[in-house]
Amino acid sequence: KRKKKSKNRRKKERAAERAQNAEERQEEDERATPSPPADFEAPERATQENQDRHRLDEEVQKEKIEAEKRAQMKEREERAAQQAASSKRSDAERLKRDAEERAKEQKEKDKRAERRERKGMKLAEEECRDVWALEKKLAKDAKKRSPP
């Protein structure tokens, strides 16, 4: 019990010392800071300063908003330019592919025409051969029939 009482007493003493120290520090701080001179126009000046500060804050805010809008517009323009460039590229690529396809088709048509032409020539040759063979045969038959 005695220990407990002395412990509690020490706690109370320390708490009282801390409170005293805090009060003393506060008094020293108050003495150290000089009080502002009496100024009868202070409230008016304070309101004017607040109004000026408020106006400046508004102007800064407006400038920030305008800068943000400009940045967004610039981004939009850049995106539009990129899209235009990519669409031009894709158009050019599409035109190139179309031209290549047309060239390929024309080449195939030319090959087919050439084959038809060759086939026609072969047929004509065969017909000529047949005709010549017939003429030859007829000539032989005519020779056989005619007296020497």
N, C-alpha and C. Protein backbone atom coordinates (compact mmCIF):
# COMPACT_ATOMS: atom_id res chain seq x y z
N LYS A 1 0.82 -1.19 0.00
CA LYS A 1 0.00 0.00 0.00
C LYS A 1 0.87 1.25 0.00
N ARG A 2 1.90 1.20 0.81
CA ARG A 2 2.76 2.36 0.89
C ARG A 2 3.40 2.66 -0.48
N LYS A 3 3.83 1.57 -1.16
CA LYS A 3 4.43 1.72 -2.47
C LYS A 3 3.45 2.38 -3.44
N LYS A 4 2.22 1.88 -3.41
CA LYS A 4 1.20 2.39 -4.31
C LYS A 4 0.93 3.87 -4.05
N LYS A 5 0.83 4.25 -2.79
CA LYS A 5 0.57 5.65 -2.44
C LYS A 5 1.69 6.55 -2.94
N SER A 6 2.93 6.12 -2.70
CA SER A 6 4.06 6.95 -3.13
C SER A 6 4.12 7.04 -4.66
N LYS A 7 3.76 5.94 -5.32
CA LYS A 7 3.77 5.93 -6.79
C LYS A 7 2.72 6.92 -7.31
N ASN A 8 1.54 6.88 -6.75
CA ASN A 8 0.46 7.79 -7.16
C ASN A 8 0.85 9.24 -6.89
N ARG A 9 1.50 9.47 -5.74
CA ARG A 9 1.90 10.82 -5.38
C ARG A 9 2.91 11.36 -6.40
N ARG A 10 3.89 10.48 -6.80
CA ARG A 10 4.89 10.90 -7.78
C ARG A 10 4.23 11.22 -9.13
N LYS A 11 3.24 10.41 -9.49
CA LYS A 11 2.52 10.67 -10.74
C LYS A 11 1.87 12.04 -10.71
N LYS A 12 1.20 12.34 -9.61
CA LYS A 12 0.51 13.63 -9.48
C LYS A 12 1.51 14.78 -9.52
N GLU A 13 2.66 14.61 -8.86
CA GLU A 13 3.68 15.65 -8.86
C GLU A 13 4.21 15.91 -10.27
N ARG A 14 4.47 14.83 -10.99
CA ARG A 14 4.97 14.98 -12.37
C ARG A 14 3.95 15.68 -13.26
N ALA A 15 2.69 15.32 -13.12
CA ALA A 15 1.63 15.94 -13.92
C ALA A 15 1.53 17.42 -13.60
N ALA A 16 1.66 17.77 -12.31
CA ALA A 16 1.60 19.18 -11.90
C ALA A 16 2.79 19.94 -12.49
N GLU A 17 3.97 19.32 -12.48
CA GLU A 17 5.16 19.97 -13.05
C GLU A 17 4.97 20.22 -14.54
N ARG A 18 4.45 19.23 -15.21
CA ARG A 18 4.24 19.40 -16.65
C ARG A 18 3.27 20.53 -16.94
N ALA A 19 2.20 20.61 -16.19
CA ALA A 19 1.21 21.68 -16.37
C ALA A 19 1.87 23.03 -16.12
N GLN A 20 2.67 23.11 -15.04
CA GLN A 20 3.36 24.36 -14.70
C GLN A 20 4.30 24.76 -15.83
N ASN A 21 5.07 23.79 -16.33
CA ASN A 21 6.02 24.06 -17.43
C ASN A 21 5.28 24.55 -18.67
N ALA A 22 4.15 23.94 -18.97
CA ALA A 22 3.38 24.34 -20.13
C ALA A 22 2.89 25.77 -19.99
N GLU A 23 2.41 26.13 -18.81
CA GLU A 23 1.95 27.50 -18.57
C GLU A 23 3.09 28.50 -18.74
N GLU A 24 4.25 28.14 -18.18
CA GLU A 24 5.40 29.03 -18.27
C GLU A 24 5.83 29.22 -19.75
N ARG A 25 5.85 28.13 -20.49
CA ARG A 25 6.23 28.22 -21.91
C ARG A 25 5.26 29.12 -22.67
N GLN A 26 3.98 28.95 -22.37
CA GLN A 26 2.97 29.75 -23.05
C GLN A 26 3.16 31.24 -22.73
N GLU A 27 3.42 31.56 -21.45
CA GLU A 27 3.65 32.96 -21.06
C GLU A 27 4.88 33.51 -21.78
N GLU A 28 5.95 32.70 -21.87
CA GLU A 28 7.17 33.15 -22.56
C GLU A 28 6.89 33.41 -24.04
N ASP A 29 6.14 32.54 -24.64
CA ASP A 29 5.80 32.72 -26.06
C ASP A 29 5.01 34.00 -26.27
N GLU A 30 4.07 34.26 -25.35
CA GLU A 30 3.26 35.48 -25.46
C GLU A 30 4.14 36.72 -25.32
N ARG A 31 5.10 36.67 -24.39
CA ARG A 31 5.99 37.81 -24.19
C ARG A 31 6.94 37.97 -25.37
N ALA A 32 7.36 36.87 -25.96
CA ALA A 32 8.33 36.92 -27.05
C ALA A 32 7.72 37.50 -28.32
N THR A 33 6.45 37.20 -28.60
CA THR A 33 5.83 37.74 -29.82
C THR A 33 5.32 39.14 -29.53
N PRO A 34 5.80 40.11 -30.32
CA PRO A 34 5.34 41.48 -30.07
C PRO A 34 3.90 41.63 -30.54
N SER A 35 3.15 42.40 -29.84
CA SER A 35 1.74 42.62 -30.24
C SER A 35 1.74 43.61 -31.39
N PRO A 36 0.88 43.43 -32.37
CA PRO A 36 0.85 44.35 -33.51
C PRO A 36 0.38 45.73 -33.06
N PRO A 37 0.88 46.75 -33.71
CA PRO A 37 0.48 48.10 -33.30
C PRO A 37 -1.02 48.29 -33.54
N ALA A 38 -1.62 49.10 -32.77
CA ALA A 38 -3.06 49.34 -32.90
C ALA A 38 -3.31 49.98 -34.26
N ASP A 39 -4.17 49.33 -35.03
CA ASP A 39 -4.45 49.81 -36.38
C ASP A 39 -5.96 49.84 -36.56
N PHE A 40 -6.48 51.06 -36.73
CA PHE A 40 -7.93 51.18 -36.83
C PHE A 40 -8.44 50.76 -38.20
N GLU A 41 -7.56 50.80 -39.23
CA GLU A 41 -7.98 50.42 -40.58
C GLU A 41 -7.74 48.93 -40.86
N ALA A 42 -7.28 48.20 -39.88
CA ALA A 42 -6.94 46.80 -40.06
C ALA A 42 -8.12 45.97 -40.59
N PRO A 43 -9.31 46.06 -40.03
CA PRO A 43 -10.41 45.23 -40.56
C PRO A 43 -10.71 45.54 -42.03
N GLU A 44 -10.69 46.85 -42.38
CA GLU A 44 -10.97 47.20 -43.78
C GLU A 44 -9.87 46.66 -44.70
N ARG A 45 -8.61 46.81 -44.26
CA ARG A 45 -7.49 46.35 -45.06
C ARG A 45 -7.54 44.81 -45.19
N ALA A 46 -7.89 44.16 -44.10
CA ALA A 46 -7.98 42.70 -44.12
C ALA A 46 -9.04 42.26 -45.12
N THR A 47 -10.19 42.93 -45.11
CA THR A 47 -11.23 42.53 -46.07
C THR A 47 -10.76 42.83 -47.49
N GLN A 48 -10.09 43.95 -47.68
CA GLN A 48 -9.57 44.29 -49.02
C GLN A 48 -8.55 43.24 -49.47
N GLU A 49 -7.64 42.87 -48.55
CA GLU A 49 -6.63 41.86 -48.87
C GLU A 49 -7.30 40.52 -49.21
N ASN A 50 -8.33 40.18 -48.42
CA ASN A 50 -9.05 38.93 -48.70
C ASN A 50 -9.71 38.97 -50.07
N GLN A 51 -10.30 40.15 -50.39
CA GLN A 51 -10.93 40.28 -51.70
C GLN A 51 -9.89 40.16 -52.81
N ASP A 52 -8.73 40.82 -52.63
CA ASP A 52 -7.66 40.73 -53.62
C ASP A 52 -7.17 39.28 -53.77
N ARG A 53 -6.97 38.65 -52.63
CA ARG A 53 -6.50 37.26 -52.65
C ARG A 53 -7.52 36.38 -53.37
N HIS A 54 -8.81 36.63 -53.05
CA HIS A 54 -9.88 35.84 -53.68
C HIS A 54 -9.89 36.06 -55.19
N ARG A 55 -9.75 37.33 -55.60
CA ARG A 55 -9.72 37.66 -57.02
C ARG A 55 -8.53 36.96 -57.70
N LEU A 56 -7.36 37.02 -57.07
CA LEU A 56 -6.18 36.36 -57.62
C LEU A 56 -6.39 34.86 -57.73
N ASP A 57 -6.98 34.27 -56.68
CA ASP A 57 -7.26 32.83 -56.72
C ASP A 57 -8.18 32.49 -57.89
N GLU A 58 -9.21 33.33 -58.09
CA GLU A 58 -10.13 33.10 -59.20
C GLU A 58 -9.40 33.19 -60.55
N GLU A 59 -8.54 34.21 -60.68
CA GLU A 59 -7.79 34.38 -61.93
C GLU A 59 -6.87 33.18 -62.18
N VAL A 60 -6.19 32.75 -61.13
CA VAL A 60 -5.30 31.59 -61.26
C VAL A 60 -6.11 30.36 -61.67
N GLN A 61 -7.28 30.20 -61.05
CA GLN A 61 -8.15 29.06 -61.37
C GLN A 61 -8.59 29.13 -62.84
N LYS A 62 -8.97 30.34 -63.27
CA LYS A 62 -9.40 30.51 -64.67
C LYS A 62 -8.25 30.17 -65.62
N GLU A 63 -7.05 30.65 -65.27
CA GLU A 63 -5.88 30.37 -66.12
C GLU A 63 -5.62 28.86 -66.19
N LYS A 64 -5.76 28.18 -65.05
CA LYS A 64 -5.55 26.73 -65.02
C LYS A 64 -6.56 26.05 -65.93
N ILE A 65 -7.82 26.47 -65.83
CA ILE A 65 -8.88 25.87 -66.65
C ILE A 65 -8.59 26.11 -68.13
N GLU A 66 -8.20 27.34 -68.47
CA GLU A 66 -7.90 27.66 -69.87
C GLU A 66 -6.71 26.84 -70.37
N ALA A 67 -5.68 26.71 -69.53
CA ALA A 67 -4.51 25.92 -69.93
C ALA A 67 -4.91 24.46 -70.15
N GLU A 68 -5.77 23.95 -69.27
CA GLU A 68 -6.24 22.58 -69.41
C GLU A 68 -7.04 22.42 -70.72
N LYS A 69 -7.89 23.41 -71.01
CA LYS A 69 -8.67 23.36 -72.25
C LYS A 69 -7.74 23.38 -73.47
N ARG A 70 -6.71 24.26 -73.40
CA ARG A 70 -5.76 24.32 -74.52
C ARG A 70 -5.05 22.98 -74.70
N ALA A 71 -4.67 22.38 -73.58
CA ALA A 71 -3.98 21.09 -73.65
C ALA A 71 -4.91 20.03 -74.25
N GLN A 72 -6.18 20.04 -73.85
CA GLN A 72 -7.14 19.08 -74.41
C GLN A 72 -7.33 19.30 -75.90
N MET A 73 -7.42 20.58 -76.31
CA MET A 73 -7.59 20.88 -77.72
C MET A 73 -6.37 20.39 -78.51
N LYS A 74 -5.18 20.63 -77.95
CA LYS A 74 -3.96 20.19 -78.61
C LYS A 74 -3.95 18.67 -78.76
N GLU A 75 -4.36 17.97 -77.69
CA GLU A 75 -4.43 16.51 -77.74
C GLU A 75 -5.39 16.06 -78.82
N ARG A 76 -6.57 16.70 -78.88
CA ARG A 76 -7.57 16.35 -79.89
C ARG A 76 -7.01 16.55 -81.30
N GLU A 77 -6.33 17.71 -81.50
CA GLU A 77 -5.76 17.99 -82.81
C GLU A 77 -4.70 16.94 -83.17
N GLU A 78 -3.86 16.58 -82.20
CA GLU A 78 -2.83 15.57 -82.46
C GLU A 78 -3.47 14.24 -82.82
N ARG A 79 -4.52 13.86 -82.05
CA ARG A 79 -5.21 12.60 -82.33
C ARG A 79 -5.83 12.63 -83.73
N ALA A 80 -6.46 13.76 -84.07
CA ALA A 80 -7.08 13.90 -85.40
C ALA A 80 -6.02 13.79 -86.49
N ALA A 81 -4.86 14.43 -86.26
CA ALA A 81 -3.78 14.36 -87.25
C ALA A 81 -3.28 12.92 -87.40
N GLN A 82 -3.14 12.24 -86.27
CA GLN A 82 -2.69 10.85 -86.32
C GLN A 82 -3.70 9.98 -87.07
N GLN A 83 -4.99 10.21 -86.78
CA GLN A 83 -6.02 9.42 -87.46
C GLN A 83 -6.00 9.71 -88.96
N ALA A 84 -5.84 10.99 -89.31
CA ALA A 84 -5.79 11.35 -90.73
C ALA A 84 -4.60 10.67 -91.40
N ALA A 85 -3.46 10.72 -90.73
CA ALA A 85 -2.26 10.09 -91.29
C ALA A 85 -2.46 8.58 -91.44
N SER A 86 -3.04 7.97 -90.42
CA SER A 86 -3.24 6.52 -90.50
C SER A 86 -4.28 6.19 -91.57
N SER A 87 -5.31 7.03 -91.71
CA SER A 87 -6.31 6.76 -92.75
C SER A 87 -5.69 6.95 -94.13
N LYS A 88 -4.78 7.95 -94.26
CA LYS A 88 -4.09 8.14 -95.55
C LYS A 88 -3.23 6.92 -95.86
N ARG A 89 -2.53 6.45 -94.81
CA ARG A 89 -1.70 5.26 -95.00
C ARG A 89 -2.56 4.07 -95.40
N SER A 90 -3.67 3.89 -94.70
CA SER A 90 -4.52 2.74 -95.02
C SER A 90 -5.12 2.90 -96.41
N ASP A 91 -5.49 4.15 -96.80
CA ASP A 91 -6.00 4.37 -98.15
C ASP A 91 -4.93 4.04 -99.18
N ALA A 92 -3.71 4.48 -98.93
CA ALA A 92 -2.61 4.21 -99.86
C ALA A 92 -2.37 2.71 -99.96
N GLU A 93 -2.39 2.04 -98.81
CA GLU A 93 -2.18 0.59 -98.81
C GLU A 93 -3.30 -0.11 -99.57
N ARG A 94 -4.53 0.34 -99.37
CA ARG A 94 -5.68 -0.25 -100.05
C ARG A 94 -5.55 -0.05 -101.56
N LEU A 95 -5.18 1.19 -101.96
CA LEU A 95 -5.01 1.46 -103.39
C LEU A 95 -3.91 0.58 -103.98
N LYS A 96 -2.82 0.42 -103.24
CA LYS A 96 -1.71 -0.40 -103.71
C LYS A 96 -2.17 -1.85 -103.88
N ARG A 97 -2.90 -2.36 -102.87
CA ARG A 97 -3.41 -3.73 -102.96
C ARG A 97 -4.34 -3.89 -104.16
N ASP A 98 -5.23 -2.90 -104.35
CA ASP A 98 -6.16 -2.95 -105.47
C ASP A 98 -5.39 -2.98 -106.80
N ALA A 99 -4.38 -2.13 -106.91
CA ALA A 99 -3.58 -2.09 -108.15
C ALA A 99 -2.89 -3.42 -108.37
N GLU A 100 -2.34 -4.00 -107.30
CA GLU A 100 -1.67 -5.30 -107.42
C GLU A 100 -2.65 -6.38 -107.86
N GLU A 101 -3.86 -6.35 -107.27
CA GLU A 101 -4.87 -7.34 -107.65
C GLU A 101 -5.27 -7.18 -109.11
N ARG A 102 -5.47 -5.92 -109.55
CA ARG A 102 -5.82 -5.68 -110.95
C ARG A 102 -4.72 -6.18 -111.88
N ALA A 103 -3.47 -5.91 -111.52
CA ALA A 103 -2.34 -6.36 -112.34
C ALA A 103 -2.32 -7.88 -112.43
N LYS A 104 -2.56 -8.53 -111.29
CA LYS A 104 -2.58 -9.99 -111.24
C LYS A 104 -3.69 -10.53 -112.14
N GLU A 105 -4.89 -9.94 -112.02
CA GLU A 105 -6.02 -10.38 -112.84
C GLU A 105 -5.72 -10.18 -114.33
N GLN A 106 -5.13 -9.04 -114.68
CA GLN A 106 -4.79 -8.77 -116.08
C GLN A 106 -3.79 -9.79 -116.60
N LYS A 107 -2.82 -10.13 -115.75
CA LYS A 107 -1.80 -11.11 -116.14
C LYS A 107 -2.46 -12.46 -116.42
N GLU A 108 -3.40 -12.84 -115.53
CA GLU A 108 -4.11 -14.10 -115.74
C GLU A 108 -4.92 -14.06 -117.03
N LYS A 109 -5.60 -12.93 -117.28
CA LYS A 109 -6.38 -12.80 -118.52
C LYS A 109 -5.47 -12.94 -119.74
N ASP A 110 -4.31 -12.28 -119.68
CA ASP A 110 -3.36 -12.37 -120.79
C ASP A 110 -2.91 -13.81 -121.02
N LYS A 111 -2.64 -14.53 -119.93
CA LYS A 111 -2.21 -15.93 -120.05
C LYS A 111 -3.30 -16.75 -120.71
N ARG A 112 -4.55 -16.54 -120.24
CA ARG A 112 -5.67 -17.29 -120.81
C ARG A 112 -5.83 -16.99 -122.30
N ALA A 113 -5.71 -15.71 -122.68
CA ALA A 113 -5.84 -15.32 -124.08
C ALA A 113 -4.73 -15.97 -124.92
N GLU A 114 -3.53 -15.96 -124.35
CA GLU A 114 -2.40 -16.57 -125.06
C GLU A 114 -2.64 -18.06 -125.26
N ARG A 115 -3.15 -18.74 -124.21
CA ARG A 115 -3.44 -20.17 -124.32
C ARG A 115 -4.49 -20.41 -125.41
N ARG A 116 -5.55 -19.58 -125.39
CA ARG A 116 -6.61 -19.72 -126.40
C ARG A 116 -6.03 -19.53 -127.80
N GLU A 117 -5.17 -18.52 -127.91
CA GLU A 117 -4.55 -18.24 -129.20
C GLU A 117 -3.71 -19.43 -129.67
N ARG A 118 -2.90 -19.96 -128.74
CA ARG A 118 -2.07 -21.12 -129.08
C ARG A 118 -2.94 -22.32 -129.45
N LYS A 119 -4.01 -22.52 -128.69
CA LYS A 119 -4.92 -23.62 -128.94
C LYS A 119 -5.55 -23.44 -130.34
N GLY A 120 -5.94 -22.19 -130.62
CA GLY A 120 -6.51 -21.91 -131.94
C GLY A 120 -5.52 -22.17 -133.05
N MET A 121 -4.26 -21.82 -132.80
CA MET A 121 -3.23 -22.05 -133.82
C MET A 121 -3.04 -23.55 -134.03
N LYS A 122 -3.06 -24.29 -132.91
CA LYS A 122 -2.89 -25.74 -133.03
C LYS A 122 -4.04 -26.33 -133.84
N LEU A 123 -5.26 -25.88 -133.51
CA LEU A 123 -6.42 -26.38 -134.25
C LEU A 123 -6.31 -26.04 -135.74
N ALA A 124 -5.90 -24.82 -136.01
CA ALA A 124 -5.75 -24.40 -137.41
C ALA A 124 -4.70 -25.24 -138.11
N GLU A 125 -3.58 -25.51 -137.40
CA GLU A 125 -2.53 -26.35 -137.97
C GLU A 125 -3.07 -27.73 -138.26
N GLU A 126 -3.81 -28.28 -137.29
CA GLU A 126 -4.37 -29.61 -137.48
C GLU A 126 -5.31 -29.63 -138.68
N GLU A 127 -6.14 -28.59 -138.78
CA GLU A 127 -7.06 -28.51 -139.91
C GLU A 127 -6.28 -28.43 -141.22
N CYS A 128 -5.23 -27.62 -141.22
CA CYS A 128 -4.40 -27.48 -142.43
C CYS A 128 -3.79 -28.83 -142.79
N ARG A 129 -3.26 -29.51 -141.78
CA ARG A 129 -2.66 -30.82 -142.02
C ARG A 129 -3.68 -31.78 -142.62
N ASP A 130 -4.88 -31.73 -142.00
CA ASP A 130 -5.94 -32.61 -142.50
C ASP A 130 -6.26 -32.27 -143.96
N VAL A 131 -6.38 -30.96 -144.21
CA VAL A 131 -6.68 -30.52 -145.58
C VAL A 131 -5.57 -30.94 -146.53
N TRP A 132 -4.31 -30.74 -146.13
CA TRP A 132 -3.17 -31.11 -146.97
C TRP A 132 -3.16 -32.62 -147.22
N ALA A 133 -3.44 -33.34 -146.12
CA ALA A 133 -3.45 -34.81 -146.26
C ALA A 133 -4.53 -35.22 -147.25
N LEU A 134 -5.71 -34.57 -147.12
CA LEU A 134 -6.80 -34.89 -148.05
C LEU A 134 -6.41 -34.53 -149.49
N GLU A 135 -5.82 -33.36 -149.66
CA GLU A 135 -5.41 -32.92 -150.99
C GLU A 135 -4.40 -33.90 -151.58
N LYS A 136 -3.44 -34.33 -150.74
CA LYS A 136 -2.43 -35.27 -151.17
C LYS A 136 -3.08 -36.58 -151.62
N LYS A 137 -4.00 -37.03 -150.75
CA LYS A 137 -4.68 -38.28 -151.04
C LYS A 137 -5.46 -38.15 -152.35
N LEU A 138 -6.16 -37.05 -152.49
CA LEU A 138 -6.94 -36.82 -153.71
C LEU A 138 -6.02 -36.77 -154.93
N ALA A 139 -4.88 -36.16 -154.76
CA ALA A 139 -3.92 -36.07 -155.87
C ALA A 139 -3.45 -37.46 -156.24
N LYS A 140 -3.16 -38.33 -155.25
CA LYS A 140 -2.70 -39.69 -155.51
C LYS A 140 -3.80 -40.46 -156.23
N ASP A 141 -5.03 -40.32 -155.71
CA ASP A 141 -6.16 -41.03 -156.33
C ASP A 141 -6.34 -40.58 -157.78
N ALA A 142 -6.18 -39.29 -157.96
CA ALA A 142 -6.35 -38.75 -159.32
C ALA A 142 -5.27 -39.30 -160.25
N LYS A 143 -4.05 -39.46 -159.73
CA LYS A 143 -2.94 -39.98 -160.53
C LYS A 143 -3.22 -41.44 -160.89
N LYS A 144 -3.74 -42.18 -159.91
CA LYS A 144 -4.03 -43.59 -160.15
C LYS A 144 -5.10 -43.73 -161.24
N ARG A 145 -6.10 -42.88 -161.21
CA ARG A 145 -7.21 -42.97 -162.14
C ARG A 145 -6.82 -42.51 -163.53
N SER A 146 -5.99 -41.54 -163.57
CA SER A 146 -5.63 -41.01 -164.90
C SER A 146 -4.58 -41.91 -165.55
N PRO A 147 -4.71 -42.10 -166.84
CA PRO A 147 -3.73 -42.94 -167.52
C PRO A 147 -2.39 -42.21 -167.65
N PRO A 148 -1.36 -42.99 -167.64
CA PRO A 148 -0.02 -42.38 -167.72
C PRO A 148 0.31 -41.84 -169.09
